[in-house]
Amino acid sequence: MWSTLKTPIFLFIYLNSLLFTVSFAQKKSVYLIEVVQKKRTIIYVKNDTDSDKSVFLKINPIGYRKSAQKPIIKNIPANSKIQMTILIPLTDQESSYTYNLIVNEQLENISAKRKKQKPN
C-alpha cells in the first residue's frame, strides 16, 4: 500500500517544484520596451531590479536608417526606464528588426595604456 501511495505524492511534489522553478525563471527584470509612433519607433530598456545594471544592445534592422545598426552600451539605474535609440523607417520599405540584449551586473571599464616605441 505504501508504494502505491508514494508514487502520486512524489509526482505531486515533483510537478509543484517544477512549476515553482519555471515561474521564477520566466520573470525578466531588465527588458526592452518598444513605443511605435507614426514615423519612428522608440526603444527603451526598463530595469525593475533594486540595483543598477549595465546593458549591451545590438539591433539588427531591416528597412531602417543606417544609424540603427550601432551597438549601444549604457548603465541603467535601478527601477528606471532609459531611452536607448530611435529607429526611423525608410519610405516605401517594410521594416522589422531583431535585437540582442545582454545584461551585466556592472559596467566594466577597460583601460589600456599604449606606449610609443622609439625606433632604434
PDB file of N, CA and C in Angstrom:
ATOM      1  N   MET A   1       0.820  -1.197   0.000  1.00  0.00           N
ATOM      2  CA  MET A   1       0.000   0.000   0.000  1.00  0.00           C
ATOM      3  C   MET A   1       0.870   1.269   0.000  1.00  0.00           C
ATOM      4  N   TRP A   2       1.916   1.251   0.790  1.00  0.00           N
ATOM      5  CA  TRP A   2       2.777   2.427   0.891  1.00  0.00           C
ATOM      6  C   TRP A   2       3.428   2.760  -0.453  1.00  0.00           C
ATOM      7  N   SER A   3       3.813   1.761  -1.232  1.00  0.00           N
ATOM      8  CA  SER A   3       4.461   2.021  -2.519  1.00  0.00           C
ATOM      9  C   SER A   3       3.490   2.621  -3.528  1.00  0.00           C
ATOM     10  N   THR A   4       2.218   2.232  -3.479  1.00  0.00           N
ATOM     11  CA  THR A   4       1.241   2.838  -4.381  1.00  0.00           C
ATOM     12  C   THR A   4       0.905   4.258  -3.960  1.00  0.00           C
ATOM     13  N   LEU A   5       1.035   4.579  -2.704  1.00  0.00           N
ATOM     14  CA  LEU A   5       0.769   5.918  -2.204  1.00  0.00           C
ATOM     15  C   LEU A   5       1.956   6.853  -2.458  1.00  0.00           C
ATOM     16  N   LYS A   6       3.185   6.292  -2.462  1.00  0.00           N
ATOM     17  CA  LYS A   6       4.379   7.105  -2.666  1.00  0.00           C
ATOM     18  C   LYS A   6       4.431   7.712  -4.060  1.00  0.00           C
ATOM     19  N   THR A   7       4.016   7.003  -5.066  1.00  0.00           N
ATOM     20  CA  THR A   7       4.111   7.481  -6.445  1.00  0.00           C
ATOM     21  C   THR A   7       3.285   8.747  -6.681  1.00  0.00           C
ATOM     22  N   PRO A   8       2.004   8.813  -6.290  1.00  0.00           N
ATOM     23  CA  PRO A   8       1.253  10.061  -6.501  1.00  0.00           C
ATOM     24  C   PRO A   8       1.799  11.230  -5.678  1.00  0.00           C
ATOM     25  N   ILE A   9       2.253  10.947  -4.460  1.00  0.00           N
ATOM     26  CA  ILE A   9       2.803  12.031  -3.631  1.00  0.00           C
ATOM     27  C   ILE A   9       4.087  12.553  -4.253  1.00  0.00           C
ATOM     28  N   PHE A  10       4.957  11.642  -4.686  1.00  0.00           N
ATOM     29  CA  PHE A  10       6.201  12.050  -5.324  1.00  0.00           C
ATOM     30  C   PHE A  10       5.922  12.851  -6.589  1.00  0.00           C
ATOM     31  N   LEU A  11       4.970  12.386  -7.396  1.00  0.00           N
ATOM     32  CA  LEU A  11       4.616  13.086  -8.624  1.00  0.00           C
ATOM     33  C   LEU A  11       4.068  14.481  -8.326  1.00  0.00           C
ATOM     34  N   PHE A  12       3.229  14.598  -7.311  1.00  0.00           N
ATOM     35  CA  PHE A  12       2.670  15.892  -6.909  1.00  0.00           C
ATOM     36  C   PHE A  12       3.775  16.857  -6.470  1.00  0.00           C
ATOM     37  N   ILE A  13       4.692  16.407  -5.658  1.00  0.00           N
ATOM     38  CA  ILE A  13       5.799  17.254  -5.177  1.00  0.00           C
ATOM     39  C   ILE A  13       6.701  17.650  -6.343  1.00  0.00           C
ATOM     40  N   TYR A  14       7.000  16.716  -7.228  1.00  0.00           N
ATOM     41  CA  TYR A  14       7.858  16.993  -8.378  1.00  0.00           C
ATOM     42  C   TYR A  14       7.229  18.044  -9.291  1.00  0.00           C
ATOM     43  N   LEU A  15       5.949  17.897  -9.619  1.00  0.00           N
ATOM     44  CA  LEU A  15       5.289  18.857 -10.504  1.00  0.00           C
ATOM     45  C   LEU A  15       5.176  20.238  -9.862  1.00  0.00           C
ATOM     46  N   ASN A  16       4.912  20.303  -8.569  1.00  0.00           N
ATOM     47  CA  ASN A  16       4.856  21.599  -7.882  1.00  0.00           C
ATOM     48  C   ASN A  16       6.209  22.288  -7.876  1.00  0.00           C
ATOM     49  N   SER A  17       7.274  21.534  -7.615  1.00  0.00           N
ATOM     50  CA  SER A  17       8.602  22.161  -7.616  1.00  0.00           C
ATOM     51  C   SER A  17       8.980  22.612  -9.030  1.00  0.00           C
ATOM     52  N   LEU A  18       8.605  21.845 -10.048  1.00  0.00           N
ATOM     53  CA  LEU A  18       8.886  22.231 -11.424  1.00  0.00           C
ATOM     54  C   LEU A  18       8.122  23.494 -11.803  1.00  0.00           C
ATOM     55  N   LEU A  19       6.861  23.568 -11.442  1.00  0.00           N
ATOM     56  CA  LEU A  19       6.054  24.753 -11.712  1.00  0.00           C
ATOM     57  C   LEU A  19       6.605  25.972 -10.980  1.00  0.00           C
ATOM     58  N   PHE A  20       7.027  25.809  -9.750  1.00  0.00           N
ATOM     59  CA  PHE A  20       7.604  26.897  -8.957  1.00  0.00           C
ATOM     60  C   PHE A  20       8.888  27.408  -9.605  1.00  0.00           C
ATOM     61  N   THR A  21       9.751  26.499 -10.056  1.00  0.00           N
ATOM     62  CA  THR A  21      11.015  26.876 -10.688  1.00  0.00           C
ATOM     63  C   THR A  21      10.778  27.583 -12.010  1.00  0.00           C
ATOM     64  N   VAL A  22       9.883  27.087 -12.830  1.00  0.00           N
ATOM     65  CA  VAL A  22       9.613  27.686 -14.132  1.00  0.00           C
ATOM     66  C   VAL A  22       9.000  29.069 -13.979  1.00  0.00           C
ATOM     67  N   SER A  23       8.135  29.251 -13.007  1.00  0.00           N
ATOM     68  CA  SER A  23       7.503  30.560 -12.832  1.00  0.00           C
ATOM     69  C   SER A  23       8.518  31.620 -12.436  1.00  0.00           C
ATOM     70  N   PHE A  24       9.512  31.270 -11.647  1.00  0.00           N
ATOM     71  CA  PHE A  24      10.527  32.246 -11.296  1.00  0.00           C
ATOM     72  C   PHE A  24      11.555  32.422 -12.408  1.00  0.00           C
ATOM     73  N   ALA A  25      11.782  31.415 -13.211  1.00  0.00           N
ATOM     74  CA  ALA A  25      12.743  31.520 -14.308  1.00  0.00           C
ATOM     75  C   ALA A  25      12.208  32.398 -15.431  1.00  0.00           C
ATOM     76  N   GLN A  26      10.904  32.540 -15.553  1.00  0.00           N
ATOM     77  CA  GLN A  26      10.300  33.318 -16.627  1.00  0.00           C
ATOM     78  C   GLN A  26      10.350  34.820 -16.362  1.00  0.00           C
ATOM     79  N   LYS A  27      10.520  35.229 -15.117  1.00  0.00           N
ATOM     80  CA  LYS A  27      10.467  36.644 -14.774  1.00  0.00           C
ATOM     81  C   LYS A  27      11.733  37.355 -15.256  1.00  0.00           C
ATOM     82  N   LYS A  28      11.561  38.396 -16.072  1.00  0.00           N
ATOM     83  CA  LYS A  28      12.690  39.171 -16.561  1.00  0.00           C
ATOM     84  C   LYS A  28      12.706  40.499 -15.825  1.00  0.00           C
ATOM     85  N   SER A  29      13.845  40.830 -15.272  1.00  0.00           N
ATOM     86  CA  SER A  29      13.943  42.064 -14.504  1.00  0.00           C
ATOM     87  C   SER A  29      14.441  43.237 -15.347  1.00  0.00           C
ATOM     88  N   VAL A  30      15.118  42.970 -16.455  1.00  0.00           N
ATOM     89  CA  VAL A  30      15.569  44.006 -17.378  1.00  0.00           C
ATOM     90  C   VAL A  30      15.070  43.594 -18.757  1.00  0.00           C
ATOM     91  N   TYR A  31      14.275  44.453 -19.387  1.00  0.00           N
ATOM     92  CA  TYR A  31      13.673  44.078 -20.660  1.00  0.00           C
ATOM     93  C   TYR A  31      13.516  45.290 -21.564  1.00  0.00           C
ATOM     94  N   LEU A  32      13.269  45.008 -22.839  1.00  0.00           N
ATOM     95  CA  LEU A  32      13.149  46.027 -23.878  1.00  0.00           C
ATOM     96  C   LEU A  32      11.689  46.434 -24.039  1.00  0.00           C
ATOM     97  N   ILE A  33      11.455  47.736 -24.206  1.00  0.00           N
ATOM     98  CA  ILE A  33      10.118  48.278 -24.454  1.00  0.00           C
ATOM     99  C   ILE A  33      10.164  49.020 -25.777  1.00  0.00           C
ATOM    100  N   GLU A  34       9.155  48.781 -26.605  1.00  0.00           N
ATOM    101  CA  GLU A  34       9.079  49.390 -27.927  1.00  0.00           C
ATOM    102  C   GLU A  34       7.841  50.289 -27.976  1.00  0.00           C
ATOM    103  N   VAL A  35       8.041  51.564 -28.320  1.00  0.00           N
ATOM    104  CA  VAL A  35       6.932  52.507 -28.479  1.00  0.00           C
ATOM    105  C   VAL A  35       6.892  52.908 -29.954  1.00  0.00           C
ATOM    106  N   VAL A  36       5.847  52.446 -30.647  1.00  0.00           N
ATOM    107  CA  VAL A  36       5.716  52.703 -32.084  1.00  0.00           C
ATOM    108  C   VAL A  36       4.895  53.961 -32.286  1.00  0.00           C
ATOM    109  N   GLN A  37       5.486  54.929 -32.993  1.00  0.00           N
ATOM    110  CA  GLN A  37       4.796  56.161 -33.350  1.00  0.00           C
ATOM    111  C   GLN A  37       4.624  56.198 -34.864  1.00  0.00           C
ATOM    112  N   LYS A  38       4.076  57.299 -35.373  1.00  0.00           N
ATOM    113  CA  LYS A  38       3.758  57.368 -36.795  1.00  0.00           C
ATOM    114  C   LYS A  38       4.986  57.191 -37.694  1.00  0.00           C
ATOM    115  N   LYS A  39       6.052  57.935 -37.435  1.00  0.00           N
ATOM    116  CA  LYS A  39       7.226  57.885 -38.311  1.00  0.00           C
ATOM    117  C   LYS A  39       8.485  57.408 -37.601  1.00  0.00           C
ATOM    118  N   ARG A  40       8.342  56.802 -36.437  1.00  0.00           N
ATOM    119  CA  ARG A  40       9.519  56.324 -35.711  1.00  0.00           C
ATOM    120  C   ARG A  40       9.128  55.289 -34.673  1.00  0.00           C
ATOM    121  N   THR A  41      10.115  54.534 -34.242  1.00  0.00           N
ATOM    122  CA  THR A  41       9.954  53.569 -33.163  1.00  0.00           C
ATOM    123  C   THR A  41      11.002  53.896 -32.114  1.00  0.00           C
ATOM    124  N   ILE A  42      10.563  54.123 -30.894  1.00  0.00           N
ATOM    125  CA  ILE A  42      11.486  54.454 -29.813  1.00  0.00           C
ATOM    126  C   ILE A  42      11.708  53.190 -28.981  1.00  0.00           C
ATOM    127  N   ILE A  43      12.985  52.883 -28.744  1.00  0.00           N
ATOM    128  CA  ILE A  43      13.364  51.690 -27.994  1.00  0.00           C
ATOM    129  C   ILE A  43      13.870  52.115 -26.617  1.00  0.00           C
ATOM    130  N   TYR A  44      13.260  51.564 -25.575  1.00  0.00           N
ATOM    131  CA  TYR A  44      13.655  51.795 -24.188  1.00  0.00           C
ATOM    132  C   TYR A  44      14.107  50.477 -23.580  1.00  0.00           C
ATOM    133  N   VAL A  45      14.908  50.565 -22.522  1.00  0.00           N
ATOM    134  CA  VAL A  45      15.218  49.407 -21.694  1.00  0.00           C
ATOM    135  C   VAL A  45      14.774  49.754 -20.277  1.00  0.00           C
ATOM    136  N   LYS A  46      14.007  48.847 -19.670  1.00  0.00           N
ATOM    137  CA  LYS A  46      13.466  49.066 -18.326  1.00  0.00           C
ATOM    138  C   LYS A  46      14.141  48.110 -17.359  1.00  0.00           C
ATOM    139  N   ASN A  47      14.573  48.662 -16.224  1.00  0.00           N
ATOM    140  CA  ASN A  47      15.219  47.893 -15.162  1.00  0.00           C
ATOM    141  C   ASN A  47      14.278  47.869 -13.958  1.00  0.00           C
ATOM    142  N   ASP A  48      13.739  46.707 -13.622  1.00  0.00           N
ATOM    143  CA  ASP A  48      12.826  46.573 -12.487  1.00  0.00           C
ATOM    144  C   ASP A  48      13.510  46.055 -11.228  1.00  0.00           C
ATOM    145  N   THR A  49      14.831  45.983 -11.222  1.00  0.00           N
ATOM    146  CA  THR A  49      15.543  45.486 -10.047  1.00  0.00           C
ATOM    147  C   THR A  49      15.886  46.636  -9.108  1.00  0.00           C
ATOM    148  N   ASP A  50      16.434  46.297  -7.959  1.00  0.00           N
ATOM    149  CA  ASP A  50      16.844  47.302  -6.976  1.00  0.00           C
ATOM    150  C   ASP A  50      18.315  47.672  -7.097  1.00  0.00           C
ATOM    151  N   SER A  51      18.965  47.235  -8.164  1.00  0.00           N
ATOM    152  CA  SER A  51      20.375  47.577  -8.363  1.00  0.00           C
ATOM    153  C   SER A  51      20.589  48.048  -9.794  1.00  0.00           C
ATOM    154  N   ASP A  52      21.635  48.837  -9.994  1.00  0.00           N
ATOM    155  CA  ASP A  52      21.978  49.318 -11.324  1.00  0.00           C
ATOM    156  C   ASP A  52      22.460  48.153 -12.190  1.00  0.00           C
ATOM    157  N   LYS A  53      22.143  48.222 -13.472  1.00  0.00           N
ATOM    158  CA  LYS A  53      22.570  47.185 -14.413  1.00  0.00           C
ATOM    159  C   LYS A  53      23.254  47.839 -15.600  1.00  0.00           C
ATOM    160  N   SER A  54      24.155  47.119 -16.210  1.00  0.00           N
ATOM    161  CA  SER A  54      24.813  47.554 -17.425  1.00  0.00           C
ATOM    162  C   SER A  54      24.253  46.711 -18.563  1.00  0.00           C
ATOM    163  N   VAL A  55      23.856  47.357 -19.669  1.00  0.00           N
ATOM    164  CA  VAL A  55      23.277  46.616 -20.786  1.00  0.00           C
ATOM    165  C   VAL A  55      24.034  46.897 -22.068  1.00  0.00           C
ATOM    166  N   PHE A  56      24.066  45.889 -22.910  1.00  0.00           N
ATOM    167  CA  PHE A  56      24.606  45.977 -24.262  1.00  0.00           C
ATOM    168  C   PHE A  56      23.444  45.647 -25.183  1.00  0.00           C
ATOM    169  N   LEU A  57      23.113  46.570 -26.095  1.00  0.00           N
ATOM    170  CA  LEU A  57      22.007  46.382 -27.027  1.00  0.00           C
ATOM    171  C   LEU A  57      22.524  46.488 -28.449  1.00  0.00           C
ATOM    172  N   LYS A  58      22.286  45.443 -29.237  1.00  0.00           N
ATOM    173  CA  LYS A  58      22.642  45.434 -30.661  1.00  0.00           C
ATOM    174  C   LYS A  58      21.371  45.147 -31.436  1.00  0.00           C
ATOM    175  N   ILE A  59      20.980  46.108 -32.267  1.00  0.00           N
ATOM    176  CA  ILE A  59      19.772  45.980 -33.078  1.00  0.00           C
ATOM    177  C   ILE A  59      20.174  45.636 -34.498  1.00  0.00           C
ATOM    178  N   ASN A  60      19.501  44.659 -35.083  1.00  0.00           N
ATOM    179  CA  ASN A  60      19.734  44.250 -36.472  1.00  0.00           C
ATOM    180  C   ASN A  60      18.520  44.688 -37.285  1.00  0.00           C
ATOM    181  N   PRO A  61      18.557  45.911 -37.841  1.00  0.00           N
ATOM    182  CA  PRO A  61      17.366  46.452 -38.508  1.00  0.00           C
ATOM    183  C   PRO A  61      17.280  46.067 -39.985  1.00  0.00           C
ATOM    184  N   ILE A  62      16.053  45.962 -40.464  1.00  0.00           N
ATOM    185  CA  ILE A  62      15.774  45.783 -41.886  1.00  0.00           C
ATOM    186  C   ILE A  62      14.759  46.861 -42.252  1.00  0.00           C
ATOM    187  N   GLY A  63      15.131  47.749 -43.165  1.00  0.00           N
ATOM    188  CA  GLY A  63      14.233  48.810 -43.591  1.00  0.00           C
ATOM    189  C   GLY A  63      14.270  50.051 -42.714  1.00  0.00           C
ATOM    190  N   TYR A  64      15.327  50.214 -41.915  1.00  0.00           N
ATOM    191  CA  TYR A  64      15.508  51.413 -41.098  1.00  0.00           C
ATOM    192  C   TYR A  64      16.772  52.136 -41.547  1.00  0.00           C
ATOM    193  N   ARG A  65      16.945  53.364 -41.089  1.00  0.00           N
ATOM    194  CA  ARG A  65      18.163  54.110 -41.406  1.00  0.00           C
ATOM    195  C   ARG A  65      19.392  53.391 -40.883  1.00  0.00           C
ATOM    196  N   LYS A  66      20.520  53.698 -41.496  1.00  0.00           N
ATOM    197  CA  LYS A  66      21.786  53.033 -41.176  1.00  0.00           C
ATOM    198  C   LYS A  66      22.215  53.243 -39.720  1.00  0.00           C
ATOM    199  N   SER A  67      21.859  54.368 -39.113  1.00  0.00           N
ATOM    200  CA  SER A  67      22.290  54.672 -37.748  1.00  0.00           C
ATOM    201  C   SER A  67      21.722  53.696 -36.720  1.00  0.00           C
ATOM    202  N   ALA A  68      20.735  52.905 -37.097  1.00  0.00           N
ATOM    203  CA  ALA A  68      20.130  51.954 -36.170  1.00  0.00           C
ATOM    204  C   ALA A  68      21.023  50.755 -35.898  1.00  0.00           C
ATOM    205  N   GLN A  69      22.086  50.574 -36.668  1.00  0.00           N
ATOM    206  CA  GLN A  69      22.942  49.393 -36.529  1.00  0.00           C
ATOM    207  C   GLN A  69      24.011  49.525 -35.455  1.00  0.00           C
ATOM    208  N   LYS A  70      24.202  50.711 -34.905  1.00  0.00           N
ATOM    209  CA  LYS A  70      25.266  50.918 -33.934  1.00  0.00           C
ATOM    210  C   LYS A  70      24.964  50.200 -32.626  1.00  0.00           C
ATOM    211  N   PRO A  71      25.938  49.475 -32.056  1.00  0.00           N
ATOM    212  CA  PRO A  71      25.717  48.861 -30.747  1.00  0.00           C
ATOM    213  C   PRO A  71      25.697  49.934 -29.652  1.00  0.00           C
ATOM    214  N   ILE A  72      24.939  49.683 -28.591  1.00  0.00           N
ATOM    215  CA  ILE A  72      24.764  50.656 -27.511  1.00  0.00           C
ATOM    216  C   ILE A  72      25.114  49.989 -26.192  1.00  0.00           C
ATOM    217  N   ILE A  73      25.947  50.654 -25.402  1.00  0.00           N
ATOM    218  CA  ILE A  73      26.288  50.189 -24.057  1.00  0.00           C
ATOM    219  C   ILE A  73      25.924  51.315 -23.095  1.00  0.00           C
ATOM    220  N   LYS A  74      25.038  51.007 -22.133  1.00  0.00           N
ATOM    221  CA  LYS A  74      24.616  52.028 -21.167  1.00  0.00           C
ATOM    222  C   LYS A  74      24.418  51.421 -19.792  1.00  0.00           C
ATOM    223  N   ASN A  75      24.536  52.268 -18.785  1.00  0.00           N
ATOM    224  CA  ASN A  75      24.187  51.910 -17.424  1.00  0.00           C
ATOM    225  C   ASN A  75      22.717  52.247 -17.215  1.00  0.00           C
ATOM    226  N   ILE A  76      21.944  51.329 -16.667  1.00  0.00           N
ATOM    227  CA  ILE A  76      20.529  51.553 -16.401  1.00  0.00           C
ATOM    228  C   ILE A  76      20.353  51.602 -14.884  1.00  0.00           C
ATOM    229  N   PRO A  77      19.965  52.760 -14.326  1.00  0.00           N
ATOM    230  CA  PRO A  77      19.761  52.856 -12.876  1.00  0.00           C
ATOM    231  C   PRO A  77      18.642  51.935 -12.394  1.00  0.00           C
ATOM    232  N   ALA A  78      18.637  51.647 -11.115  1.00  0.00           N
ATOM    233  CA  ALA A  78      17.621  50.779 -10.522  1.00  0.00           C
ATOM    234  C   ALA A  78      16.229  51.380 -10.694  1.00  0.00           C
ATOM    235  N   ASN A  79      15.260  50.531 -10.977  1.00  0.00           N
ATOM    236  CA  ASN A  79      13.844  50.907 -11.117  1.00  0.00           C
ATOM    237  C   ASN A  79      13.639  52.108 -12.046  1.00  0.00           C
ATOM    238  N   SER A  80      14.199  52.028 -13.242  1.00  0.00           N
ATOM    239  CA  SER A  80      14.059  53.141 -14.181  1.00  0.00           C
ATOM    240  C   SER A  80      13.920  52.624 -15.609  1.00  0.00           C
ATOM    241  N   LYS A  81      13.578  53.553 -16.500  1.00  0.00           N
ATOM    242  CA  LYS A  81      13.440  53.267 -17.925  1.00  0.00           C
ATOM    243  C   LYS A  81      14.280  54.286 -18.681  1.00  0.00           C
ATOM    244  N   ILE A  82      15.168  53.815 -19.548  1.00  0.00           N
ATOM    245  CA  ILE A  82      16.098  54.674 -20.285  1.00  0.00           C
ATOM    246  C   ILE A  82      15.874  54.487 -21.783  1.00  0.00           C
ATOM    247  N   GLN A  83      15.823  55.607 -22.503  1.00  0.00           N
ATOM    248  CA  GLN A  83      15.718  55.546 -23.962  1.00  0.00           C
ATOM    249  C   GLN A  83      17.068  55.121 -24.528  1.00  0.00           C
ATOM    250  N   MET A  84      17.034  54.098 -25.384  1.00  0.00           N
ATOM    251  CA  MET A  84      18.267  53.587 -25.968  1.00  0.00           C
ATOM    252  C   MET A  84      18.499  54.140 -27.374  1.00  0.00           C
ATOM    253  N   THR A  85      17.474  54.125 -28.218  1.00  0.00           N
ATOM    254  CA  THR A  85      17.630  54.590 -29.595  1.00  0.00           C
ATOM    255  C   THR A  85      16.267  54.889 -30.206  1.00  0.00           C
ATOM    256  N   ILE A  86      16.318  55.584 -31.338  1.00  0.00           N
ATOM    257  CA  ILE A  86      15.113  55.852 -32.124  1.00  0.00           C
ATOM    258  C   ILE A  86      15.339  55.264 -33.513  1.00  0.00           C
ATOM    259  N   LEU A  87      14.429  54.410 -33.934  1.00  0.00           N
ATOM    260  CA  LEU A  87      14.505  53.797 -35.259  1.00  0.00           C
ATOM    261  C   LEU A  87      13.594  54.571 -36.204  1.00  0.00           C
ATOM    262  N   ILE A  88      14.149  55.031 -37.303  1.00  0.00           N
ATOM    263  CA  ILE A  88      13.375  55.771 -38.306  1.00  0.00           C
ATOM    264  C   ILE A  88      13.299  54.911 -39.562  1.00  0.00           C
ATOM    265  N   PRO A  89      12.087  54.494 -39.943  1.00  0.00           N
ATOM    266  CA  PRO A  89      11.968  53.608 -41.101  1.00  0.00           C
ATOM    267  C   PRO A  89      12.197  54.344 -42.414  1.00  0.00           C
ATOM    268  N   LEU A  90      12.724  53.620 -43.390  1.00  0.00           N
ATOM    269  CA  LEU A  90      12.877  54.153 -44.740  1.00  0.00           C
ATOM    270  C   LEU A  90      11.512  54.130 -45.421  1.00  0.00           C
ATOM    271  N   THR A  91      11.282  55.082 -46.316  1.00  0.00           N
ATOM    272  CA  THR A  91       9.991  55.135 -47.011  1.00  0.00           C
ATOM    273  C   THR A  91       9.904  54.027 -48.053  1.00  0.00           C
ATOM    274  N   ASP A  92       8.723  53.549 -48.289  1.00  0.00           N
ATOM    275  CA  ASP A  92       8.429  52.537 -49.304  1.00  0.00           C
ATOM    276  C   ASP A  92       9.146  51.207 -49.058  1.00  0.00           C
ATOM    277  N   GLN A  93       9.466  50.902 -47.811  1.00  0.00           N
ATOM    278  CA  GLN A  93      10.070  49.611 -47.464  1.00  0.00           C
ATOM    279  C   GLN A  93       9.408  49.079 -46.207  1.00  0.00           C
ATOM    280  N   GLU A  94       9.228  47.769 -46.175  1.00  0.00           N
ATOM    281  CA  GLU A  94       8.711  47.144 -44.962  1.00  0.00           C
ATOM    282  C   GLU A  94       9.855  47.067 -43.954  1.00  0.00           C
ATOM    283  N   SER A  95       9.593  47.435 -42.722  1.00  0.00           N
ATOM    284  CA  SER A  95      10.660  47.477 -41.729  1.00  0.00           C
ATOM    285  C   SER A  95      10.387  46.496 -40.591  1.00  0.00           C
ATOM    286  N   SER A  96      11.474  45.896 -40.122  1.00  0.00           N
ATOM    287  CA  SER A  96      11.430  44.996 -38.970  1.00  0.00           C
ATOM    288  C   SER A  96      12.832  44.969 -38.370  1.00  0.00           C
ATOM    289  N   TYR A  97      12.941  44.392 -37.186  1.00  0.00           N
ATOM    290  CA  TYR A  97      14.257  44.295 -36.556  1.00  0.00           C
ATOM    291  C   TYR A  97      14.285  43.132 -35.582  1.00  0.00           C
ATOM    292  N   THR A  98      15.490  42.673 -35.311  1.00  0.00           N
ATOM    293  CA  THR A  98      15.761  41.740 -34.232  1.00  0.00           C
ATOM    294  C   THR A  98      16.781  42.418 -33.328  1.00  0.00           C
ATOM    295  N   TYR A  99      16.927  41.912 -32.119  1.00  0.00           N
ATOM    296  CA  TYR A  99      17.878  42.546 -31.209  1.00  0.00           C
ATOM    297  C   TYR A  99      18.524  41.532 -30.288  1.00  0.00           C
ATOM    298  N   ASN A 100      19.695  41.894 -29.779  1.00  0.00           N
ATOM    299  CA  ASN A 100      20.402  41.139 -28.753  1.00  0.00           C
ATOM    300  C   ASN A 100      20.551  42.072 -27.561  1.00  0.00           C
ATOM    301  N   LEU A 101      20.039  41.667 -26.421  1.00  0.00           N
ATOM    302  CA  LEU A 101      20.140  42.455 -25.194  1.00  0.00           C
ATOM    303  C   LEU A 101      20.904  41.628 -24.180  1.00  0.00           C
ATOM    304  N   ILE A 102      22.073  42.112 -23.802  1.00  0.00           N
ATOM    305  CA  ILE A 102      22.913  41.424 -22.821  1.00  0.00           C
ATOM    306  C   ILE A 102      22.964  42.289 -21.581  1.00  0.00           C
ATOM    307  N   VAL A 103      22.641  41.703 -20.426  1.00  0.00           N
ATOM    308  CA  VAL A 103      22.572  42.434 -19.161  1.00  0.00           C
ATOM    309  C   VAL A 103      23.699  41.956 -18.255  1.00  0.00           C
ATOM    310  N   ASN A 104      24.454  42.903 -17.705  1.00  0.00           N
ATOM    311  CA  ASN A 104      25.527  42.620 -16.755  1.00  0.00           C
ATOM    312  C   ASN A 104      25.236  43.341 -15.449  1.00  0.00           C
ATOM    313  N   GLU A 105      25.849  42.868 -14.388  1.00  0.00           N
ATOM    314  CA  GLU A 105      25.652  43.492 -13.079  1.00  0.00           C
ATOM    315  C   GLU A 105      26.217  44.902 -13.034  1.00  0.00           C
ATOM    316  N   GLN A 106      27.392  45.096 -13.617  1.00  0.00           N
ATOM    317  CA  GLN A 106      28.001  46.426 -13.601  1.00  0.00           C
ATOM    318  C   GLN A 106      28.828  46.634 -14.854  1.00  0.00           C
ATOM    319  N   LEU A 107      29.048  47.893 -15.164  1.00  0.00           N
ATOM    320  CA  LEU A 107      29.851  48.253 -16.327  1.00  0.00           C
ATOM    321  C   LEU A 107      31.321  48.106 -15.969  1.00  0.00           C
ATOM    322  N   GLU A 108      32.044  47.372 -16.778  1.00  0.00           N
ATOM    323  CA  GLU A 108      33.470  47.186 -16.525  1.00  0.00           C
ATOM    324  C   GLU A 108      34.256  48.122 -17.417  1.00  0.00           C
ATOM    325  N   ASN A 109      35.027  48.995 -16.816  1.00  0.00           N
ATOM    326  CA  ASN A 109      35.880  49.912 -17.565  1.00  0.00           C
ATOM    327  C   ASN A 109      37.204  49.225 -17.860  1.00  0.00           C
ATOM    328  N   ILE A 110      37.590  49.283 -19.087  1.00  0.00           N
ATOM    329  CA  ILE A 110      38.858  48.692 -19.505  1.00  0.00           C
ATOM    330  C   ILE A 110      39.786  49.819 -19.891  1.00  0.00           C
ATOM    331  N   SER A 111      40.907  49.905 -19.213  1.00  0.00           N
ATOM    332  CA  SER A 111      41.864  50.943 -19.558  1.00  0.00           C
ATOM    333  C   SER A 111      43.106  50.277 -20.148  1.00  0.00           C
ATOM    334  N   ALA A 112      43.535  50.800 -21.250  1.00  0.00           N
ATOM    335  CA  ALA A 112      44.712  50.270 -21.918  1.00  0.00           C
ATOM    336  C   ALA A 112      45.665  51.430 -22.190  1.00  0.00           C
ATOM    337  N   LYS A 113      46.852  51.275 -21.726  1.00  0.00           N
ATOM    338  CA  LYS A 113      47.861  52.308 -21.957  1.00  0.00           C
ATOM    339  C   LYS A 113      48.800  51.817 -23.042  1.00  0.00           C
ATOM    340  N   ARG A 114      48.954  52.652 -24.021  1.00  0.00           N
ATOM    341  CA  ARG A 114      49.858  52.320 -25.110  1.00  0.00           C
ATOM    342  C   ARG A 114      51.118  53.155 -24.965  1.00  0.00           C
ATOM    343  N   LYS A 115      52.223  52.502 -25.059  1.00  0.00           N
ATOM    344  CA  LYS A 115      53.500  53.214 -25.020  1.00  0.00           C
ATOM    345  C   LYS A 115      54.055  53.280 -26.425  1.00  0.00           C
ATOM    346  N   LYS A 116      54.462  54.459 -26.794  1.00  0.00           N
ATOM    347  CA  LYS A 116      55.067  54.622 -28.114  1.00  0.00           C
ATOM    348  C   LYS A 116      56.478  54.071 -28.055  1.00  0.00           C
ATOM    349  N   GLN A 117      56.765  53.232 -29.017  1.00  0.00           N
ATOM    350  CA  GLN A 117      58.086  52.672 -29.083  1.00  0.00           C
ATOM    351  C   GLN A 117      58.961  53.533 -30.000  1.00  0.00           C
ATOM    352  N   LYS A 118      60.133  53.840 -29.518  1.00  0.00           N
ATOM    353  CA  LYS A 118      61.071  54.617 -30.315  1.00  0.00           C
ATOM    354  C   LYS A 118      61.866  53.667 -31.199  1.00  0.00           C
ATOM    355  N   PRO A 119      61.972  54.034 -32.469  1.00  0.00           N
ATOM    356  CA  PRO A 119      62.765  53.177 -33.355  1.00  0.00           C
ATOM    357  C   PRO A 119      64.245  53.267 -32.972  1.00  0.00           C
ATOM    358  N   ASN A 120      64.919  52.157 -33.021  1.00  0.00           N
ATOM    359  CA  ASN A 120      66.364  52.133 -32.653  1.00  0.00           C
ATOM    360  C   ASN A 120      67.221  52.489 -33.810  1.00  0.00           C
TER     361      ASN A 120
END
